[in-house]
Amino acid sequence: MYDWLNVIIGCIIAYLLGSIPTAVWVGKWFYGKDIRNEGSGNAGATNTIRILGVKAGIPVIIVDVLKGYTAVYLMQYFIPENWAVDSRIYFQIIAGFIAVIGHALPVFAGFRGGKGVGTLLGVGIALYPVSVWFPVGLFILVLLLTGYVSLASMLGAFSFPFVVIFYTHQENIGLIALSIAAAFFVLWTHRKNMQRLRKGEENRFRIWRKKI
């Protein structure tokens, strides 16, 4: 019972870490704006940069990534040492997933958060220290070529399970399943962006374009 109590505490901490509404707090504290009422309405780094500028967006993306990474990293200290390696990995996966849910539904910001891509990246860095960098590189390439953050995010996420399965030859079923789930999660959270892309209504991202 004590072992499970520790694991539950680890999951709660993961959610609270994910719930840190970086974009919302930066916007309100330093610019007097609720980023969720501006631009795309998304409480993430992309919308922050569009509305508030690069100076505001950089700390947002850094903290969002750290939230996911830290949630996974800390979970190892709440899992009993006598548990099997696979079991430990599964609960780190769960912690990462909970952190992403926390970002999307943050208790500290009225359960109105962002899409969780930055936090998901942090989870990926913690669990896939090799595989994660191909999708990141593809994201950067597509962004530079097209200017569409949404398209870059979706293509990067879509490529991720293929890298995990066919390039790094991951054998852990949990990590394979998470890579597939992550791809579907990003595609699902960007379903409105897909509609705008088809209609030619999606906004291009220009990092040098400062709004205030």
C-alpha atoms as a PDB file:
ATOM      1  CA  MET A   1       0.000   0.000   0.000  1.00  0.00           C
ATOM      2  CA  TYR A   2       2.850   2.371   0.867  1.00  0.00           C
ATOM      3  CA  ASP A   3       4.497   1.710  -2.504  1.00  0.00           C
ATOM      4  CA  TRP A   4       1.315   2.591  -4.377  1.00  0.00           C
ATOM      5  CA  LEU A   5       0.830   5.708  -2.272  1.00  0.00           C
ATOM      6  CA  ASN A   6       4.241   6.929  -3.403  1.00  0.00           C
ATOM      7  CA  VAL A   7       3.336   6.266  -7.032  1.00  0.00           C
ATOM      8  CA  ILE A   8       0.067   8.179  -6.653  1.00  0.00           C
ATOM      9  CA  ILE A   9       1.948  11.110  -5.131  1.00  0.00           C
ATOM     10  CA  GLY A  10       4.330  11.016  -8.115  1.00  0.00           C
ATOM     11  CA  CYS A  11       1.366  11.143 -10.502  1.00  0.00           C
ATOM     12  CA  ILE A  12      -0.142  14.099  -8.645  1.00  0.00           C
ATOM     13  CA  ILE A  13       3.174  15.962  -8.831  1.00  0.00           C
ATOM     14  CA  ALA A  14       3.341  15.207 -12.568  1.00  0.00           C
ATOM     15  CA  TYR A  15      -0.094  16.740 -13.054  1.00  0.00           C
ATOM     16  CA  LEU A  16       0.766  19.815 -10.986  1.00  0.00           C
ATOM     17  CA  LEU A  17       3.973  20.305 -12.977  1.00  0.00           C
ATOM     18  CA  GLY A  18       2.050  20.037 -16.222  1.00  0.00           C
ATOM     19  CA  SER A  19      -0.533  22.472 -14.881  1.00  0.00           C
ATOM     20  CA  ILE A  20       1.959  25.318 -14.600  1.00  0.00           C
ATOM     21  CA  PRO A  21       0.339  27.678 -17.158  1.00  0.00           C
ATOM     22  CA  THR A  22       3.529  29.288 -18.392  1.00  0.00           C
ATOM     23  CA  ALA A  23       2.026  31.236 -21.287  1.00  0.00           C
ATOM     24  CA  VAL A  24      -0.902  32.457 -19.199  1.00  0.00           C
ATOM     25  CA  TRP A  25       1.285  33.660 -16.327  1.00  0.00           C
ATOM     26  CA  VAL A  26       3.875  35.326 -18.570  1.00  0.00           C
ATOM     27  CA  GLY A  27       1.108  37.137 -20.451  1.00  0.00           C
ATOM     28  CA  LYS A  28      -0.730  38.301 -17.344  1.00  0.00           C
ATOM     29  CA  TRP A  29       2.225  39.145 -15.116  1.00  0.00           C
ATOM     30  CA  PHE A  30       4.449  40.926 -17.616  1.00  0.00           C
ATOM     31  CA  TYR A  31       2.103  42.136 -20.366  1.00  0.00           C
ATOM     32  CA  GLY A  32      -1.309  42.411 -18.743  1.00  0.00           C
ATOM     33  CA  LYS A  33      -2.865  40.060 -21.283  1.00  0.00           C
ATOM     34  CA  ASP A  34      -4.521  36.666 -21.139  1.00  0.00           C
ATOM     35  CA  ILE A  35      -2.946  34.902 -24.090  1.00  0.00           C
ATOM     36  CA  ARG A  36      -6.015  32.665 -24.363  1.00  0.00           C
ATOM     37  CA  ASN A  37      -8.066  35.672 -25.451  1.00  0.00           C
ATOM     38  CA  GLU A  38      -5.618  36.661 -28.179  1.00  0.00           C
ATOM     39  CA  GLY A  39      -4.642  35.207 -31.547  1.00  0.00           C
ATOM     40  CA  SER A  40      -5.379  31.492 -31.773  1.00  0.00           C
ATOM     41  CA  GLY A  41      -6.417  31.363 -28.129  1.00  0.00           C
ATOM     42  CA  ASN A  42      -3.850  28.645 -27.469  1.00  0.00           C
ATOM     43  CA  ALA A  43      -1.824  28.914 -24.253  1.00  0.00           C
ATOM     44  CA  GLY A  44       1.440  27.879 -25.836  1.00  0.00           C
ATOM     45  CA  ALA A  45       4.744  29.255 -27.055  1.00  0.00           C
ATOM     46  CA  THR A  46       3.662  29.797 -30.677  1.00  0.00           C
ATOM     47  CA  ASN A  47       0.720  32.004 -29.799  1.00  0.00           C
ATOM     48  CA  THR A  48       2.811  33.770 -27.162  1.00  0.00           C
ATOM     49  CA  ILE A  49       5.440  34.686 -29.736  1.00  0.00           C
ATOM     50  CA  ARG A  50       2.805  35.804 -32.222  1.00  0.00           C
ATOM     51  CA  ILE A  51       1.092  38.073 -29.699  1.00  0.00           C
ATOM     52  CA  LEU A  52       3.809  39.088 -27.237  1.00  0.00           C
ATOM     53  CA  GLY A  53       7.032  38.535 -29.138  1.00  0.00           C
ATOM     54  CA  VAL A  54      10.074  36.284 -28.970  1.00  0.00           C
ATOM     55  CA  LYS A  55      11.225  37.602 -25.594  1.00  0.00           C
ATOM     56  CA  ALA A  56       8.019  36.308 -24.025  1.00  0.00           C
ATOM     57  CA  GLY A  57       7.895  33.085 -26.021  1.00  0.00           C
ATOM     58  CA  ILE A  58      11.360  31.737 -25.201  1.00  0.00           C
ATOM     59  CA  PRO A  59      10.782  31.217 -21.458  1.00  0.00           C
ATOM     60  CA  VAL A  60       7.377  29.727 -22.252  1.00  0.00           C
ATOM     61  CA  ILE A  61       8.764  26.995 -24.494  1.00  0.00           C
ATOM     62  CA  ILE A  62      11.681  26.297 -22.136  1.00  0.00           C
ATOM     63  CA  VAL A  63       9.441  25.855 -19.096  1.00  0.00           C
ATOM     64  CA  ASP A  64       6.849  23.857 -21.039  1.00  0.00           C
ATOM     65  CA  VAL A  65       9.520  21.395 -22.185  1.00  0.00           C
ATOM     66  CA  LEU A  66      10.987  21.188 -18.678  1.00  0.00           C
ATOM     67  CA  LYS A  67       7.549  20.361 -17.265  1.00  0.00           C
ATOM     68  CA  GLY A  68       7.343  17.163 -19.288  1.00  0.00           C
ATOM     69  CA  TYR A  69      10.962  16.213 -18.748  1.00  0.00           C
ATOM     70  CA  THR A  70      10.832  16.816 -14.999  1.00  0.00           C
ATOM     71  CA  ALA A  71       7.594  14.882 -14.543  1.00  0.00           C
ATOM     72  CA  VAL A  72       9.172  11.794 -16.116  1.00  0.00           C
ATOM     73  CA  TYR A  73      12.508  12.247 -14.356  1.00  0.00           C
ATOM     74  CA  LEU A  74      11.039  12.699 -10.878  1.00  0.00           C
ATOM     75  CA  MET A  75       8.738   9.710 -11.203  1.00  0.00           C
ATOM     76  CA  GLN A  76      11.683   7.344 -10.853  1.00  0.00           C
ATOM     77  CA  TYR A  77      12.052   8.460  -7.230  1.00  0.00           C
ATOM     78  CA  PHE A  78       8.473   7.486  -6.416  1.00  0.00           C
ATOM     79  CA  ILE A  79       8.632   4.010  -7.948  1.00  0.00           C
ATOM     80  CA  PRO A  80       9.807   1.218  -5.594  1.00  0.00           C
ATOM     81  CA  GLU A  81      13.311   0.014  -6.447  1.00  0.00           C
ATOM     82  CA  ASN A  82      12.241  -3.628  -6.313  1.00  0.00           C
ATOM     83  CA  TRP A  83       9.796  -3.203  -9.198  1.00  0.00           C
ATOM     84  CA  ALA A  84      10.763  -4.609 -12.599  1.00  0.00           C
ATOM     85  CA  VAL A  85      12.450  -2.293 -15.101  1.00  0.00           C
ATOM     86  CA  ASP A  86       9.502  -2.466 -17.501  1.00  0.00           C
ATOM     87  CA  SER A  87       7.091  -1.556 -14.723  1.00  0.00           C
ATOM     88  CA  ARG A  88       9.204   1.457 -13.822  1.00  0.00           C
ATOM     89  CA  ILE A  89       9.203   2.601 -17.449  1.00  0.00           C
ATOM     90  CA  TYR A  90       5.430   2.192 -17.691  1.00  0.00           C
ATOM     91  CA  PHE A  91       4.862   4.457 -14.730  1.00  0.00           C
ATOM     92  CA  GLN A  92       7.272   7.046 -16.116  1.00  0.00           C
ATOM     93  CA  ILE A  93       5.213   6.929 -19.307  1.00  0.00           C
ATOM     94  CA  ILE A  94       2.064   7.454 -17.258  1.00  0.00           C
ATOM     95  CA  ALA A  95       3.675  10.412 -15.466  1.00  0.00           C
ATOM     96  CA  GLY A  96       4.574  12.004 -18.797  1.00  0.00           C
ATOM     97  CA  PHE A  97       1.055  11.505 -20.115  1.00  0.00           C
ATOM     98  CA  ILE A  98      -0.406  13.046 -16.963  1.00  0.00           C
ATOM     99  CA  ALA A  99       1.900  16.064 -17.333  1.00  0.00           C
ATOM    100  CA  VAL A 100       0.623  16.635 -20.879  1.00  0.00           C
ATOM    101  CA  ILE A 101      -2.955  16.375 -19.613  1.00  0.00           C
ATOM    102  CA  GLY A 102      -2.031  18.918 -16.945  1.00  0.00           C
ATOM    103  CA  HIS A 103      -0.808  21.310 -19.619  1.00  0.00           C
ATOM    104  CA  ALA A 104      -4.008  20.928 -21.622  1.00  0.00           C
ATOM    105  CA  LEU A 105      -6.256  21.098 -18.523  1.00  0.00           C
ATOM    106  CA  PRO A 106      -4.296  23.119 -15.946  1.00  0.00           C
ATOM    107  CA  VAL A 107      -5.779  23.353 -12.471  1.00  0.00           C
ATOM    108  CA  PHE A 108      -3.970  26.678 -11.990  1.00  0.00           C
ATOM    109  CA  ALA A 109      -5.651  28.311 -14.995  1.00  0.00           C
ATOM    110  CA  GLY A 110      -9.272  27.216 -14.945  1.00  0.00           C
ATOM    111  CA  PHE A 111      -8.562  24.039 -16.931  1.00  0.00           C
ATOM    112  CA  ARG A 112      -7.969  26.092 -20.098  1.00  0.00           C
ATOM    113  CA  GLY A 113      -4.503  25.297 -21.350  1.00  0.00           C
ATOM    114  CA  GLY A 114      -2.586  24.613 -24.527  1.00  0.00           C
ATOM    115  CA  LYS A 115      -2.100  21.752 -26.946  1.00  0.00           C
ATOM    116  CA  GLY A 116       0.775  20.223 -25.005  1.00  0.00           C
ATOM    117  CA  VAL A 117       3.311  19.885 -27.818  1.00  0.00           C
ATOM    118  CA  GLY A 118       6.103  21.542 -25.824  1.00  0.00           C
ATOM    119  CA  THR A 119       5.407  19.419 -22.753  1.00  0.00           C
ATOM    120  CA  LEU A 120       5.176  16.325 -24.942  1.00  0.00           C
ATOM    121  CA  LEU A 121       8.598  17.189 -26.341  1.00  0.00           C
ATOM    122  CA  GLY A 122       9.982  17.245 -22.800  1.00  0.00           C
ATOM    123  CA  VAL A 123       8.504  13.797 -22.180  1.00  0.00           C
ATOM    124  CA  GLY A 124      10.090  12.618 -25.426  1.00  0.00           C
ATOM    125  CA  ILE A 125      13.521  13.934 -24.461  1.00  0.00           C
ATOM    126  CA  ALA A 126      13.309  12.077 -21.151  1.00  0.00           C
ATOM    127  CA  LEU A 127      12.091   8.756 -22.564  1.00  0.00           C
ATOM    128  CA  TYR A 128      13.548   8.753 -26.106  1.00  0.00           C
ATOM    129  CA  PRO A 129      16.918  10.555 -25.874  1.00  0.00           C
ATOM    130  CA  VAL A 130      17.843   9.430 -29.408  1.00  0.00           C
ATOM    131  CA  SER A 131      14.582   9.028 -31.337  1.00  0.00           C
ATOM    132  CA  VAL A 132      13.118  12.404 -30.402  1.00  0.00           C
ATOM    133  CA  TRP A 133      15.642  14.467 -32.351  1.00  0.00           C
ATOM    134  CA  PHE A 134      14.572  13.343 -35.831  1.00  0.00           C
ATOM    135  CA  PRO A 135      11.020  14.693 -35.388  1.00  0.00           C
ATOM    136  CA  VAL A 136      12.508  17.879 -33.916  1.00  0.00           C
ATOM    137  CA  GLY A 137      14.755  18.282 -36.953  1.00  0.00           C
ATOM    138  CA  LEU A 138      11.829  17.625 -39.300  1.00  0.00           C
ATOM    139  CA  PHE A 139       9.736  20.167 -37.398  1.00  0.00           C
ATOM    140  CA  ILE A 140      12.409  22.839 -37.855  1.00  0.00           C
ATOM    141  CA  LEU A 141      12.868  22.009 -41.553  1.00  0.00           C
ATOM    142  CA  VAL A 142       9.131  22.124 -42.354  1.00  0.00           C
ATOM    143  CA  LEU A 143       8.715  25.320 -40.343  1.00  0.00           C
ATOM    144  CA  LEU A 144      11.534  27.034 -42.220  1.00  0.00           C
ATOM    145  CA  LEU A 145      10.223  25.866 -45.598  1.00  0.00           C
ATOM    146  CA  THR A 146       6.513  26.579 -45.081  1.00  0.00           C
ATOM    147  CA  GLY A 147       6.134  28.900 -42.091  1.00  0.00           C
ATOM    148  CA  TYR A 148       3.348  26.694 -40.692  1.00  0.00           C
ATOM    149  CA  VAL A 149       3.938  25.631 -37.085  1.00  0.00           C
ATOM    150  CA  SER A 150       0.889  23.363 -37.172  1.00  0.00           C
ATOM    151  CA  LEU A 151       2.057  21.497 -40.270  1.00  0.00           C
ATOM    152  CA  ALA A 152       5.571  21.179 -38.851  1.00  0.00           C
ATOM    153  CA  SER A 153       4.175  19.839 -35.561  1.00  0.00           C
ATOM    154  CA  MET A 154       1.944  17.282 -37.268  1.00  0.00           C
ATOM    155  CA  LEU A 155       4.608  15.986 -39.650  1.00  0.00           C
ATOM    156  CA  GLY A 156       7.165  15.787 -36.850  1.00  0.00           C
ATOM    157  CA  ALA A 157       4.748  13.883 -34.627  1.00  0.00           C
ATOM    158  CA  PHE A 158       3.658  11.597 -37.480  1.00  0.00           C
ATOM    159  CA  SER A 159       7.276  10.605 -38.140  1.00  0.00           C
ATOM    160  CA  PHE A 160       7.989   9.822 -34.490  1.00  0.00           C
ATOM    161  CA  PRO A 161       6.634   6.239 -34.185  1.00  0.00           C
ATOM    162  CA  PHE A 162       8.371   5.265 -37.423  1.00  0.00           C
ATOM    163  CA  VAL A 163      11.693   6.449 -36.001  1.00  0.00           C
ATOM    164  CA  VAL A 164      11.050   4.655 -32.704  1.00  0.00           C
ATOM    165  CA  ILE A 165      10.039   1.372 -34.337  1.00  0.00           C
ATOM    166  CA  PHE A 166      12.182   1.160 -37.473  1.00  0.00           C
ATOM    167  CA  TYR A 167      15.266   3.269 -36.722  1.00  0.00           C
ATOM    168  CA  THR A 168      16.036   2.808 -33.024  1.00  0.00           C
ATOM    169  CA  HIS A 169      14.248  -0.574 -32.963  1.00  0.00           C
ATOM    170  CA  GLN A 170      12.599   0.060 -29.623  1.00  0.00           C
ATOM    171  CA  GLU A 171      11.433  -3.191 -28.008  1.00  0.00           C
ATOM    172  CA  ASN A 172       9.511  -1.874 -25.010  1.00  0.00           C
ATOM    173  CA  ILE A 173       5.807  -2.146 -25.853  1.00  0.00           C
ATOM    174  CA  GLY A 174       4.937   0.807 -23.623  1.00  0.00           C
ATOM    175  CA  LEU A 175       7.392   3.127 -25.370  1.00  0.00           C
ATOM    176  CA  ILE A 176       6.190   1.978 -28.793  1.00  0.00           C
ATOM    177  CA  ALA A 177       2.569   2.539 -27.783  1.00  0.00           C
ATOM    178  CA  LEU A 178       3.379   5.984 -26.394  1.00  0.00           C
ATOM    179  CA  SER A 179       5.097   7.058 -29.623  1.00  0.00           C
ATOM    180  CA  ILE A 180       1.982   6.067 -31.597  1.00  0.00           C
ATOM    181  CA  ALA A 181      -0.343   7.706 -29.066  1.00  0.00           C
ATOM    182  CA  ALA A 182       1.749  10.896 -29.156  1.00  0.00           C
ATOM    183  CA  ALA A 183       1.399  11.098 -32.938  1.00  0.00           C
ATOM    184  CA  PHE A 184      -2.379  10.683 -32.770  1.00  0.00           C
ATOM    185  CA  PHE A 185      -2.584  13.157 -29.883  1.00  0.00           C
ATOM    186  CA  VAL A 186      -0.808  15.891 -31.839  1.00  0.00           C
ATOM    187  CA  LEU A 187      -2.920  15.228 -34.929  1.00  0.00           C
ATOM    188  CA  TRP A 188      -6.125  15.337 -32.876  1.00  0.00           C
ATOM    189  CA  THR A 189      -5.226  18.588 -31.101  1.00  0.00           C
ATOM    190  CA  HIS A 190      -4.440  20.159 -34.482  1.00  0.00           C
ATOM    191  CA  ARG A 191      -7.658  19.073 -36.220  1.00  0.00           C
ATOM    192  CA  LYS A 192      -8.846  22.692 -36.571  1.00  0.00           C
ATOM    193  CA  ASN A 193      -5.463  23.647 -37.995  1.00  0.00           C
ATOM    194  CA  MET A 194      -5.877  20.899 -40.603  1.00  0.00           C
ATOM    195  CA  GLN A 195      -9.185  22.422 -41.654  1.00  0.00           C
ATOM    196  CA  ARG A 196      -7.607  25.865 -41.973  1.00  0.00           C
ATOM    197  CA  LEU A 197      -4.685  24.435 -43.943  1.00  0.00           C
ATOM    198  CA  ARG A 198      -7.076  22.810 -46.415  1.00  0.00           C
ATOM    199  CA  LYS A 199      -8.932  26.111 -46.814  1.00  0.00           C
ATOM    200  CA  GLY A 200      -5.720  28.134 -47.098  1.00  0.00           C
ATOM    201  CA  GLU A 201      -6.654  30.097 -43.967  1.00  0.00           C
ATOM    202  CA  GLU A 202      -3.858  28.993 -41.639  1.00  0.00           C
ATOM    203  CA  ASN A 203      -1.573  31.783 -40.436  1.00  0.00           C
ATOM    204  CA  ARG A 204       2.110  31.535 -41.213  1.00  0.00           C
ATOM    205  CA  PHE A 205       4.543  31.925 -38.364  1.00  0.00           C
ATOM    206  CA  ARG A 206       7.109  34.701 -38.510  1.00  0.00           C
ATOM    207  CA  ILE A 207       9.372  34.800 -35.505  1.00  0.00           C
ATOM    208  CA  TRP A 208      10.554  38.316 -36.230  1.00  0.00           C
ATOM    209  CA  ARG A 209       7.065  39.753 -36.280  1.00  0.00           C
ATOM    210  CA  LYS A 210       6.486  41.338 -32.886  1.00  0.00           C
ATOM    211  CA  LYS A 211       3.004  42.368 -31.894  1.00  0.00           C
ATOM    212  CA  ILE A 212       3.596  44.754 -29.000  1.00  0.00           C
END
